[in-house]
């Protein structure tokens, strides 16, 4: 309890995830009876011979039917009332639309860039699933980009251990390899892979591909010598609203910054400026927990990925720096007196937020398969659930029936963990160090090939399958990684079958 109380003064208000109109989620407090009942529901299973009650419905009542197509991640919450489905469809139209540079005759779709990484949200989140790494030099890095920063910056007074960095002075915080006509793109990302052999306990050899990142064809001069490059592949979109609705207290209860319980796991909460007022909030979204809410994440993507102005990021030139003067002087899509005068108006941002909040999690497959059940037991026995927390009950919400009071199974604690030097990008972000990453949710991971057409995992897609993803774990997860290496083939296959069933 003490470690939770040390974090709480940094946070503002009773609920920190933002809803529509930049307001906190409208939470109804739990009764003592509900707290007791929920504790029983969330307890770890003692019997692995059969699935748990409701385990096949990872999104609770919001779970959607499994579809055998690439559209499996593109369904609205299974419990969405009919009168809210139009908002989902309108948000989908905005999420899938292709934006164009200004000036253009399509005034509702102009304002792209002038520097950008993608022309639309779904260019990166393919079919609402994962992006992919470029297949080679001939393919541009759509759905993958580099974050940029250099040491320095200011420490917010409210957050004493904020790791100070600032955007790279010439190229900003995000490297952009596309540009509007007449403006030079910043350059291109270069990836070089080295194969690293790993011998498993039974003698099986697995090859990991270790990436090295660089930039080439720089259009605006050299980057700072101390620049830090951090790659990002777009993550899948399902279940975001349910993650947003997990009670803050349930997340903070697992914080153990000094490893007081001696289990080797030291989860830390990401605390970030959130909403329009920039107050410290619990970071739940992004690979390092850099965004507090779906709305913050959506607005950040409009600005950084597409150079589109919103109420949270009103500059029409997006990530262009003062050095990139042609970008800043280019005609924008802002129209004074029309649509809030912004390229993405307030209502459009609300609709995209609603859409992202309500992409449904598909049902589990093979939940009672003996091999899957054995894999689940191994997953528990070797300690994977120390970070990949299996289940929660979401807050009871007054105005979000889809996310309200649902038993969900995301397999994440939403905390920062040191994953060791192998996965380190050496780039701090907020409270996250250069080797810390937020535990990603695992639901839907077994459907990646069906939806996205590949099986590339981790923040930069270096892992070509789930076993490679596990073998990249280090730091706080070193013991679990080593346990997987030592497993007999039957148990190793079983744990992979379990992951594929999620």
Protein backbone atom coordinates (compact mmCIF):
# COMPACT_ATOMS: atom_id res chain seq x y z
CA UNK A 1 0.00 0.00 0.00
CA UNK A 2 2.85 2.41 0.82
CA UNK A 3 4.30 2.25 -2.69
CA UNK A 4 0.88 3.18 -4.12
CA UNK A 5 0.55 6.17 -1.81
CA UNK A 6 3.93 7.47 -2.96
CA UNK A 7 2.64 7.65 -6.54
CA UNK A 8 -0.81 9.10 -5.89
CA UNK A 9 0.30 12.70 -5.09
CA UNK A 10 1.66 12.94 -8.64
CA UNK A 11 -1.76 12.30 -10.12
CA UNK A 12 -4.62 14.74 -10.40
CA UNK A 13 -8.25 13.89 -9.72
CA UNK A 14 -10.19 10.66 -9.11
CA UNK A 15 -10.00 9.42 -12.71
CA UNK A 16 -7.30 10.32 -15.17
CA UNK A 17 -8.23 8.68 -18.48
CA UNK A 18 -9.90 11.24 -20.69
CA UNK A 19 -13.26 10.87 -22.36
CA UNK A 20 -14.95 12.91 -25.08
CA UNK A 21 -14.57 16.67 -24.82
CA UNK A 22 -11.34 16.17 -22.84
CA UNK A 23 -13.23 15.31 -19.64
CA UNK A 24 -12.33 12.56 -17.14
CA UNK A 25 -14.18 9.28 -17.38
CA UNK A 26 -17.37 9.45 -15.32
CA UNK A 27 -16.66 6.73 -12.73
CA UNK A 28 -19.20 5.36 -10.26
CA UNK A 29 -17.34 4.29 -7.08
CA UNK A 30 -17.43 0.60 -6.19
CA UNK A 31 -19.22 -0.64 -3.13
CA UNK A 32 -17.39 -2.69 -0.50
CA UNK A 33 -19.34 -5.74 -1.59
CA UNK A 34 -18.23 -5.23 -5.20
CA UNK A 35 -14.59 -4.86 -4.13
CA UNK A 36 -14.75 -8.18 -2.26
CA UNK A 37 -16.49 -9.98 -5.11
CA UNK A 38 -14.04 -8.62 -7.70
CA UNK A 39 -11.05 -9.77 -5.64
CA UNK A 40 -12.38 -13.32 -5.82
CA UNK A 41 -12.97 -13.10 -9.56
CA UNK A 42 -9.44 -11.81 -10.21
CA UNK A 43 -7.70 -14.45 -8.11
CA UNK A 44 -5.28 -16.74 -9.97
CA UNK A 45 -6.75 -20.11 -10.93
CA UNK A 46 -5.82 -23.20 -8.93
CA UNK A 47 -6.97 -25.69 -11.54
CA UNK A 48 -5.66 -25.58 -15.12
CA UNK A 49 -7.58 -28.60 -16.39
CA UNK A 50 -10.33 -26.41 -17.81
CA UNK A 51 -10.78 -22.79 -18.80
CA UNK A 52 -12.01 -20.23 -16.30
CA UNK A 53 -15.53 -18.87 -16.38
CA UNK A 54 -15.90 -16.20 -19.07
CA UNK A 55 -12.27 -16.68 -20.21
CA UNK A 56 -13.39 -17.09 -23.82
CA UNK A 57 -14.71 -13.50 -23.72
CA UNK A 58 -11.53 -11.42 -23.24
CA UNK A 59 -13.38 -8.14 -23.71
CA UNK A 60 -16.30 -9.06 -21.48
CA UNK A 61 -19.64 -8.20 -23.03
CA UNK A 62 -17.78 -5.98 -25.51
CA UNK A 63 -16.13 -9.09 -27.05
CA UNK A 64 -16.88 -9.63 -30.73
CA UNK A 65 -17.42 -12.79 -32.76
CA UNK A 66 -14.30 -14.19 -34.39
CA UNK A 67 -14.23 -13.53 -38.13
CA UNK A 68 -12.00 -15.56 -40.44
CA UNK A 69 -10.95 -12.48 -42.45
CA UNK A 70 -8.55 -9.55 -42.16
CA UNK A 71 -11.45 -7.49 -40.76
CA UNK A 72 -11.37 -9.38 -37.45
CA UNK A 73 -10.06 -6.32 -35.55
CA UNK A 74 -12.42 -3.82 -37.20
CA UNK A 75 -15.72 -4.61 -35.43
CA UNK A 76 -17.43 -2.32 -32.93
CA UNK A 77 -17.88 -3.37 -29.30
CA UNK A 78 -20.21 -6.33 -29.08
CA UNK A 79 -22.42 -4.60 -26.52
CA UNK A 80 -22.67 -1.24 -28.28
CA UNK A 81 -26.22 0.20 -28.26
CA UNK A 82 -27.69 0.74 -31.72
CA UNK A 83 -27.94 4.51 -31.29
CA UNK A 84 -24.13 4.76 -30.82
CA UNK A 85 -23.14 2.71 -33.86
CA UNK A 86 -23.38 5.68 -36.23
CA UNK A 87 -20.67 7.46 -34.24
CA UNK A 88 -18.46 4.40 -34.66
CA UNK A 89 -19.07 4.35 -38.41
CA UNK A 90 -18.31 8.07 -38.72
CA UNK A 91 -15.13 7.61 -36.71
CA UNK A 92 -14.19 4.72 -38.97
CA UNK A 93 -14.64 6.94 -42.02
CA UNK A 94 -12.23 9.49 -40.53
CA UNK A 95 -9.78 6.79 -39.46
CA UNK A 96 -9.64 5.29 -42.94
CA UNK A 97 -9.78 8.50 -44.97
CA UNK A 98 -6.81 9.68 -47.03
CA UNK A 99 -5.76 13.25 -46.24
CA UNK A 100 -4.26 15.52 -48.90
CA UNK A 101 -1.91 18.53 -48.76
CA UNK A 102 -3.22 22.07 -49.02
CA UNK A 103 -4.41 23.81 -51.06
CA UNK A 104 -7.00 21.35 -52.34
CA UNK A 105 -10.57 21.36 -53.55
CA UNK A 106 -11.49 18.78 -50.89
CA UNK A 107 -11.49 21.23 -47.98
CA UNK A 108 -12.68 18.62 -45.48
CA UNK A 109 -9.64 16.45 -46.21
CA UNK A 110 -6.81 18.91 -46.76
CA UNK A 111 -3.99 20.01 -44.45
CA UNK A 112 -1.79 16.91 -44.63
CA UNK A 113 1.83 17.56 -43.67
CA UNK A 114 3.66 19.38 -45.14
CA UNK A 115 6.01 16.72 -43.67
CA UNK A 116 4.40 13.43 -42.69
CA UNK A 117 4.78 9.69 -42.20
CA UNK A 118 1.34 8.59 -43.43
CA UNK A 119 -1.68 9.94 -45.29
CA UNK A 120 -4.22 8.32 -42.99
CA UNK A 121 -4.53 6.49 -39.67
CA UNK A 122 -5.02 3.11 -41.29
CA UNK A 123 -1.89 3.50 -43.42
CA UNK A 124 -0.03 2.63 -40.22
CA UNK A 125 -2.61 0.54 -38.33
CA UNK A 126 -3.30 -1.87 -41.18
CA UNK A 127 -6.85 -3.20 -40.79
CA UNK A 128 -6.66 -1.84 -37.22
CA UNK A 129 -3.82 -4.28 -36.58
CA UNK A 130 -0.04 -4.05 -36.43
CA UNK A 131 2.18 -2.24 -38.87
CA UNK A 132 5.22 -3.90 -40.39
CA UNK A 133 8.86 -3.18 -41.06
CA UNK A 134 9.89 -2.21 -44.61
CA UNK A 135 10.54 -5.25 -46.80
CA UNK A 136 13.66 -3.63 -48.27
CA UNK A 137 15.11 -0.43 -49.66
CA UNK A 138 12.43 -0.36 -52.33
CA UNK A 139 9.66 -0.04 -49.75
CA UNK A 140 9.03 3.13 -47.77
CA UNK A 141 8.67 2.96 -44.01
CA UNK A 142 4.90 3.37 -43.89
CA UNK A 143 3.61 2.06 -40.51
CA UNK A 144 7.11 2.43 -39.02
CA UNK A 145 9.03 5.56 -38.05
CA UNK A 146 11.83 6.85 -35.85
CA UNK A 147 11.40 9.00 -32.78
CA UNK A 148 14.21 11.51 -32.28
CA UNK A 149 15.55 13.27 -29.22
CA UNK A 150 18.70 14.65 -27.64
CA UNK A 151 19.65 14.97 -23.96
CA UNK A 152 18.33 18.04 -22.21
CA UNK A 153 15.00 19.67 -21.60
CA UNK A 154 13.28 20.73 -18.40
CA UNK A 155 12.06 18.72 -15.43
CA UNK A 156 8.37 19.29 -14.62
CA UNK A 157 8.21 20.36 -10.99
CA UNK A 158 5.50 17.81 -10.21
CA UNK A 159 7.51 14.83 -11.48
CA UNK A 160 10.91 14.68 -9.82
CA UNK A 161 12.39 11.78 -11.78
CA UNK A 162 11.28 12.87 -15.24
CA UNK A 163 14.09 11.90 -17.63
CA UNK A 164 15.01 15.09 -19.43
CA UNK A 165 15.20 14.96 -23.21
CA UNK A 166 14.09 17.27 -25.95
CA UNK A 167 13.38 17.02 -29.67
CA UNK A 168 16.30 16.92 -32.08
CA UNK A 169 16.75 20.62 -33.00
CA UNK A 170 16.68 20.27 -36.81
CA UNK A 171 14.35 17.34 -37.42
CA UNK A 172 12.03 17.51 -34.42
CA UNK A 173 10.68 14.62 -32.43
CA UNK A 174 9.76 12.36 -35.32
CA UNK A 175 11.63 11.53 -38.52
CA UNK A 176 9.32 12.05 -41.50
CA UNK A 177 10.07 10.47 -44.86
CA UNK A 178 7.20 11.96 -46.91
CA UNK A 179 6.44 15.54 -47.89
CA UNK A 180 3.99 17.62 -49.88
CA UNK A 181 4.96 18.70 -53.40
CA UNK A 182 7.68 21.35 -53.39
CA UNK A 183 8.96 20.45 -49.93
CA UNK A 184 11.79 18.02 -49.26
CA UNK A 185 11.12 15.00 -47.07
CA UNK A 186 13.49 14.81 -44.12
CA UNK A 187 15.24 11.70 -45.44
CA UNK A 188 14.87 7.96 -45.10
CA UNK A 189 15.34 5.39 -42.37
CA UNK A 190 17.96 2.68 -42.82
CA UNK A 191 17.75 -0.69 -41.03
CA UNK A 192 20.57 -3.20 -40.94
CA UNK A 193 19.97 -6.64 -39.40
CA UNK A 194 22.50 -9.03 -37.90
CA UNK A 195 21.49 -12.62 -37.20
CA UNK A 196 22.19 -13.74 -33.62
CA UNK A 197 21.98 -17.48 -32.88
CA UNK A 198 20.35 -18.73 -29.67
CA UNK A 199 20.61 -22.37 -28.59
CA UNK A 200 17.61 -23.64 -26.61
CA UNK A 201 17.90 -26.18 -23.81
CA UNK A 202 17.02 -29.11 -26.06
CA UNK A 203 19.60 -28.12 -28.67
CA UNK A 204 17.18 -26.34 -31.01
CA UNK A 205 18.79 -23.32 -32.64
CA UNK A 206 16.82 -20.10 -33.10
CA UNK A 207 18.16 -17.08 -34.95
CA UNK A 208 17.24 -13.60 -33.75
CA UNK A 209 17.63 -10.56 -35.98
CA UNK A 210 19.30 -7.68 -34.16
CA UNK A 211 18.53 -4.34 -35.84
CA UNK A 212 20.70 -1.25 -36.16
CA UNK A 213 19.05 2.03 -37.19
CA UNK A 214 20.41 5.01 -39.06
CA UNK A 215 19.18 7.83 -41.31
CA UNK A 216 20.24 8.74 -44.85
CA UNK A 217 19.63 11.39 -47.51
CA UNK A 218 19.09 14.10 -44.89
CA UNK A 219 17.51 17.15 -46.52
CA UNK A 220 18.06 19.79 -43.83
CA UNK A 221 21.64 19.21 -42.75
CA UNK A 222 23.22 16.82 -40.25
CA UNK A 223 21.49 15.66 -37.10
CA UNK A 224 22.93 16.41 -33.69
CA UNK A 225 25.81 14.09 -32.81
CA UNK A 226 24.08 12.98 -29.61
CA UNK A 227 20.74 12.20 -31.31
CA UNK A 228 18.85 9.18 -30.02
CA UNK A 229 16.88 7.12 -32.56
CA UNK A 230 14.00 4.95 -31.44
CA UNK A 231 11.93 2.93 -33.94
CA UNK A 232 8.18 2.38 -33.66
CA UNK A 233 5.91 -0.02 -35.53
CA UNK A 234 2.22 0.81 -35.22
CA UNK A 235 0.53 -1.47 -32.63
CA UNK A 236 -2.87 -3.14 -32.97
CA UNK A 237 -5.90 -1.06 -31.97
CA UNK A 238 -8.30 -3.50 -30.29
CA UNK A 239 -9.50 -3.10 -26.71
CA UNK A 240 -8.12 0.40 -26.13
CA UNK A 241 -11.28 1.66 -24.44
CA UNK A 242 -11.24 -1.25 -22.03
CA UNK A 243 -7.61 -0.52 -21.11
CA UNK A 244 -8.58 3.10 -20.55
CA UNK A 245 -11.33 1.96 -18.17
CA UNK A 246 -9.12 -0.16 -15.88
CA UNK A 247 -9.19 1.47 -12.42
CA UNK A 248 -6.04 3.47 -11.70
CA UNK A 249 -5.81 1.93 -8.25
CA UNK A 250 -5.61 -1.57 -9.76
CA UNK A 251 -2.67 -0.51 -11.94
CA UNK A 252 -0.87 1.39 -9.18
CA UNK A 253 -1.31 -1.54 -6.78
CA UNK A 254 1.30 -3.47 -8.79
CA UNK A 255 3.91 -0.69 -8.69
CA UNK A 256 7.05 -1.93 -6.94
CA UNK A 257 9.85 0.46 -7.92
CA UNK A 258 12.39 -0.89 -5.41
CA UNK A 259 11.40 -4.56 -5.80
CA UNK A 260 10.29 -4.65 -2.16
CA UNK A 261 8.87 -8.15 -2.56
CA UNK A 262 12.12 -9.50 -4.01
CA UNK A 263 10.58 -11.15 -7.06
CA UNK A 264 12.87 -9.34 -9.51
CA UNK A 265 9.98 -7.35 -11.00
CA UNK A 266 10.00 -3.57 -10.45
CA UNK A 267 7.06 -2.13 -12.35
CA UNK A 268 6.83 1.66 -12.45
CA UNK A 269 3.90 3.86 -13.38
CA UNK A 270 4.32 6.18 -16.34
CA UNK A 271 3.24 9.69 -15.34
CA UNK A 272 2.71 12.06 -18.27
CA UNK A 273 1.20 15.48 -19.02
CA UNK A 274 -2.32 14.76 -20.20
CA UNK A 275 -5.33 16.52 -21.69
CA UNK A 276 -5.53 20.15 -22.69
CA UNK A 277 -4.19 21.43 -19.36
CA UNK A 278 -1.13 19.15 -19.24
CA UNK A 279 -1.72 17.91 -15.70
CA UNK A 280 0.24 14.82 -14.56
CA UNK A 281 -1.74 11.70 -15.40
CA UNK A 282 -1.25 7.96 -15.56
CA UNK A 283 0.25 6.99 -18.94
CA UNK A 284 -1.45 3.95 -20.48
CA UNK A 285 -0.83 4.23 -24.23
CA UNK A 286 2.26 4.11 -26.41
CA UNK A 287 5.18 1.70 -26.11
CA UNK A 288 6.57 3.68 -23.16
CA UNK A 289 3.25 4.82 -21.72
CA UNK A 290 3.74 8.27 -23.19
CA UNK A 291 0.05 9.14 -23.53
CA UNK A 292 -2.62 9.22 -20.85
CA UNK A 293 -5.75 8.70 -22.94
CA UNK A 294 -7.01 7.56 -26.30
CA UNK A 295 -7.82 11.16 -27.13
CA UNK A 296 -4.25 12.27 -26.33
CA UNK A 297 -2.87 9.39 -28.39
CA UNK A 298 -5.13 10.18 -31.34
CA UNK A 299 -4.30 13.89 -31.32
CA UNK A 300 -0.60 13.12 -31.05
CA UNK A 301 -0.79 10.84 -34.09
CA UNK A 302 -2.66 13.45 -36.13
CA UNK A 303 0.09 15.97 -35.36
CA UNK A 304 3.20 13.81 -35.50
CA UNK A 305 2.28 11.23 -38.14
CA UNK A 306 0.22 13.40 -40.49
CA UNK A 307 0.94 17.04 -39.64
CA UNK A 308 -2.73 17.76 -38.91
CA UNK A 309 -3.81 20.36 -36.36
CA UNK A 310 -6.20 19.50 -33.51
CA UNK A 311 -7.32 21.33 -30.39
CA UNK A 312 -4.53 19.59 -28.43
CA UNK A 313 -1.86 20.31 -31.08
CA UNK A 314 -3.04 23.43 -32.95
CA UNK A 315 0.11 24.11 -35.01
CA UNK A 316 -0.76 23.33 -38.65
CA UNK A 317 2.79 22.29 -39.52
CA UNK A 318 2.88 19.36 -37.12
CA UNK A 319 6.43 18.37 -36.18
CA UNK A 320 8.24 20.82 -38.49
CA UNK A 321 11.00 22.73 -36.71
CA UNK A 322 12.02 26.36 -37.15
CA UNK A 323 14.88 25.19 -39.37
CA UNK A 324 12.35 23.67 -41.78
CA UNK A 325 10.98 27.08 -42.76
CA UNK A 326 9.41 25.96 -46.06
CA UNK A 327 7.25 23.56 -44.09
CA UNK A 328 6.14 26.22 -41.62
CA UNK A 329 5.35 28.71 -44.37
CA UNK A 330 3.37 26.26 -46.50
CA UNK A 331 -0.39 26.75 -46.94
CA UNK A 332 -2.31 24.96 -44.21
CA UNK A 333 -5.75 23.41 -44.17
CA UNK A 334 -6.93 25.59 -41.32
CA UNK A 335 -10.04 27.64 -42.11
CA UNK A 336 -10.80 30.48 -39.68
CA UNK A 337 -14.43 30.36 -38.61
CA UNK A 338 -14.96 26.89 -40.10
CA UNK A 339 -14.68 23.58 -38.23
CA UNK A 340 -13.09 25.21 -35.17
CA UNK A 341 -10.53 26.70 -37.56
CA UNK A 342 -8.57 23.45 -37.27
CA UNK A 343 -7.61 20.82 -39.82
CA UNK A 344 -9.14 18.14 -37.59
CA UNK A 345 -11.95 19.82 -35.73
CA UNK A 346 -13.14 19.04 -32.21
CA UNK A 347 -16.01 16.83 -33.36
CA UNK A 348 -13.79 14.84 -35.72
CA UNK A 349 -11.27 14.20 -32.94
CA UNK A 350 -14.13 13.03 -30.71
CA UNK A 351 -15.36 10.63 -33.40
CA UNK A 352 -11.91 9.14 -34.03
CA UNK A 353 -11.47 8.77 -30.26
CA UNK A 354 -14.84 7.01 -30.03
CA UNK A 355 -13.88 4.69 -32.89
CA UNK A 356 -10.52 3.79 -31.35
CA UNK A 357 -12.15 3.29 -27.96
CA UNK A 358 -14.62 0.78 -29.34
CA UNK A 359 -12.66 -1.57 -31.59
CA UNK A 360 -13.76 -4.92 -30.20
CA UNK A 361 -11.55 -7.76 -28.96
CA UNK A 362 -12.34 -11.07 -30.72
CA UNK A 363 -13.30 -14.20 -28.82
CA UNK A 364 -10.58 -16.62 -27.78
CA UNK A 365 -10.04 -19.71 -29.89
CA UNK A 366 -9.29 -23.16 -28.47
CA UNK A 367 -9.68 -21.99 -24.92
CA UNK A 368 -10.32 -25.56 -23.68
CA UNK A 369 -7.74 -27.26 -25.88
CA UNK A 370 -5.53 -29.41 -23.59
CA UNK A 371 -2.36 -28.03 -25.21
CA UNK A 372 -3.54 -24.46 -24.69
CA UNK A 373 -4.44 -25.20 -21.07
CA UNK A 374 -1.01 -26.72 -20.48
CA UNK A 375 0.58 -23.65 -22.03
CA UNK A 376 -1.47 -21.41 -19.77
CA UNK A 377 -0.22 -23.31 -16.70
CA UNK A 378 3.40 -22.98 -17.86
CA UNK A 379 2.81 -19.25 -18.49
CA UNK A 380 1.71 -18.90 -14.85
CA UNK A 381 4.30 -21.27 -13.40
CA UNK A 382 7.35 -19.50 -14.83
CA UNK A 383 6.08 -16.07 -13.76
CA UNK A 384 4.96 -14.42 -17.00
CA UNK A 385 1.88 -13.08 -15.19
CA UNK A 386 4.14 -10.94 -12.98
CA UNK A 387 3.99 -8.35 -15.80
CA UNK A 388 1.32 -9.73 -18.12
CA UNK A 389 -1.51 -9.45 -15.57
CA UNK A 390 -4.28 -11.65 -16.97
CA UNK A 391 -7.52 -9.95 -15.94
CA UNK A 392 -9.25 -6.90 -14.52
CA UNK A 393 -12.73 -5.59 -13.90
CA UNK A 394 -13.15 -2.17 -15.48
CA UNK A 395 -14.64 0.86 -13.74
CA UNK A 396 -18.38 1.27 -13.67
CA UNK A 397 -18.95 4.23 -16.02
CA UNK A 398 -22.03 6.42 -16.34
CA UNK A 399 -21.76 7.27 -20.02
CA UNK A 400 -19.74 4.44 -21.60
CA UNK A 401 -21.90 1.31 -21.55
CA UNK A 402 -19.46 -0.62 -23.74
CA UNK A 403 -16.55 -0.35 -21.27
CA UNK A 404 -18.51 -0.22 -18.03
CA UNK A 405 -17.91 -2.94 -15.41
CA UNK A 406 -16.51 -5.61 -17.71
CA UNK A 407 -14.35 -8.58 -16.77
CA UNK A 408 -11.50 -8.36 -19.28
CA UNK A 409 -8.38 -10.44 -20.03
CA UNK A 410 -5.73 -8.16 -21.63
CA UNK A 411 -2.59 -9.73 -20.08
CA UNK A 412 -0.82 -6.47 -19.19
CA UNK A 413 -0.07 -4.44 -16.07
CA UNK A 414 0.35 -1.20 -18.11
CA UNK A 415 3.53 -0.48 -16.14
CA UNK A 416 7.10 0.28 -17.21
CA UNK A 417 9.68 -2.49 -16.89
CA UNK A 418 13.40 -2.64 -17.58
CA UNK A 419 13.70 -5.15 -20.41
CA UNK A 420 17.48 -5.25 -20.51
CA UNK A 421 20.09 -4.09 -23.02
CA UNK A 422 18.90 -6.29 -25.87
CA UNK A 423 15.63 -4.40 -26.30
CA UNK A 424 16.92 -1.01 -25.10
CA UNK A 425 16.53 1.91 -27.48
CA UNK A 426 18.65 4.03 -25.09
CA UNK A 427 16.15 6.87 -25.48
CA UNK A 428 14.37 8.08 -22.31
CA UNK A 429 10.76 9.15 -22.65
CA UNK A 430 9.07 10.79 -19.67
CA UNK A 431 9.74 8.58 -16.67
CA UNK A 432 10.75 5.66 -18.89
CA UNK A 433 14.47 5.04 -19.19
CA UNK A 434 16.20 3.93 -22.35
CA UNK A 435 15.70 0.28 -21.40
CA UNK A 436 12.15 0.48 -20.03
CA UNK A 437 9.00 -0.43 -21.95
CA UNK A 438 5.34 -0.63 -21.01
CA UNK A 439 3.99 -4.17 -20.86
CA UNK A 440 1.92 -4.57 -24.05
CA UNK A 441 -1.47 -6.32 -23.93
CA UNK A 442 -1.46 -9.79 -25.45
CA UNK A 443 -5.10 -10.15 -26.47
CA UNK A 444 -5.46 -10.75 -30.20
CA UNK A 445 -1.75 -11.50 -30.64
CA UNK A 446 -2.47 -14.89 -32.16
CA UNK A 447 -4.49 -13.29 -34.96
CA UNK A 448 -1.68 -11.04 -36.21
CA UNK A 449 -1.01 -13.09 -39.32
CA UNK A 450 -4.70 -13.19 -40.26
CA UNK A 451 -5.23 -9.45 -39.81
CA UNK A 452 -1.86 -7.94 -40.75
CA UNK A 453 -0.37 -10.57 -43.03
CA UNK A 454 2.79 -11.08 -40.96
CA UNK A 455 4.04 -12.20 -37.55
CA UNK A 456 6.37 -9.34 -36.62
CA UNK A 457 6.37 -8.37 -32.94
CA UNK A 458 7.92 -6.02 -30.39
CA UNK A 459 8.18 -2.24 -30.68
CA UNK A 460 10.22 -2.39 -33.89
CA UNK A 461 8.99 -5.63 -35.45
CA UNK A 462 12.37 -7.34 -35.05
CA UNK A 463 10.82 -10.59 -33.80
CA UNK A 464 9.56 -12.69 -36.70
CA UNK A 465 7.42 -14.93 -34.49
CA UNK A 466 6.30 -15.23 -30.89
CA UNK A 467 9.23 -17.39 -29.80
CA UNK A 468 11.69 -14.78 -31.03
CA UNK A 469 9.70 -12.12 -29.15
CA UNK A 470 10.04 -14.10 -25.92
CA UNK A 471 13.77 -14.69 -26.48
CA UNK A 472 14.38 -10.94 -26.75
CA UNK A 473 13.13 -10.47 -23.18
CA UNK A 474 15.80 -9.51 -20.65
CA UNK A 475 16.22 -7.35 -17.58
CA UNK A 476 13.26 -7.93 -15.27
CA UNK A 477 12.04 -10.70 -17.60
CA UNK A 478 15.39 -12.49 -17.87
CA UNK A 479 14.32 -15.29 -15.52
CA UNK A 480 11.16 -15.94 -17.52
CA UNK A 481 13.09 -15.85 -20.80
CA UNK A 482 15.64 -18.33 -19.44
CA UNK A 483 12.83 -20.58 -18.21
CA UNK A 484 11.40 -20.71 -21.73
CA UNK A 485 14.84 -21.56 -23.13
CA UNK A 486 15.08 -24.47 -20.68
CA UNK A 487 11.57 -25.86 -21.35
CA UNK A 488 11.19 -29.25 -22.99
CA UNK A 489 9.81 -28.97 -26.51
CA UNK A 490 6.33 -30.08 -25.46
CA UNK A 491 5.95 -27.32 -22.89
CA UNK A 492 7.55 -24.75 -25.20
CA UNK A 493 5.07 -25.63 -27.94
CA UNK A 494 2.26 -25.48 -25.38
CA UNK A 495 3.08 -21.97 -24.19
CA UNK A 496 3.24 -20.80 -27.80
CA UNK A 497 -0.14 -22.45 -28.46
CA UNK A 498 -1.53 -20.57 -25.47
CA UNK A 499 -0.24 -17.26 -26.82
CA UNK A 500 -1.67 -18.07 -30.25
CA UNK A 501 -5.07 -18.63 -28.63
CA UNK A 502 -5.21 -15.15 -27.10
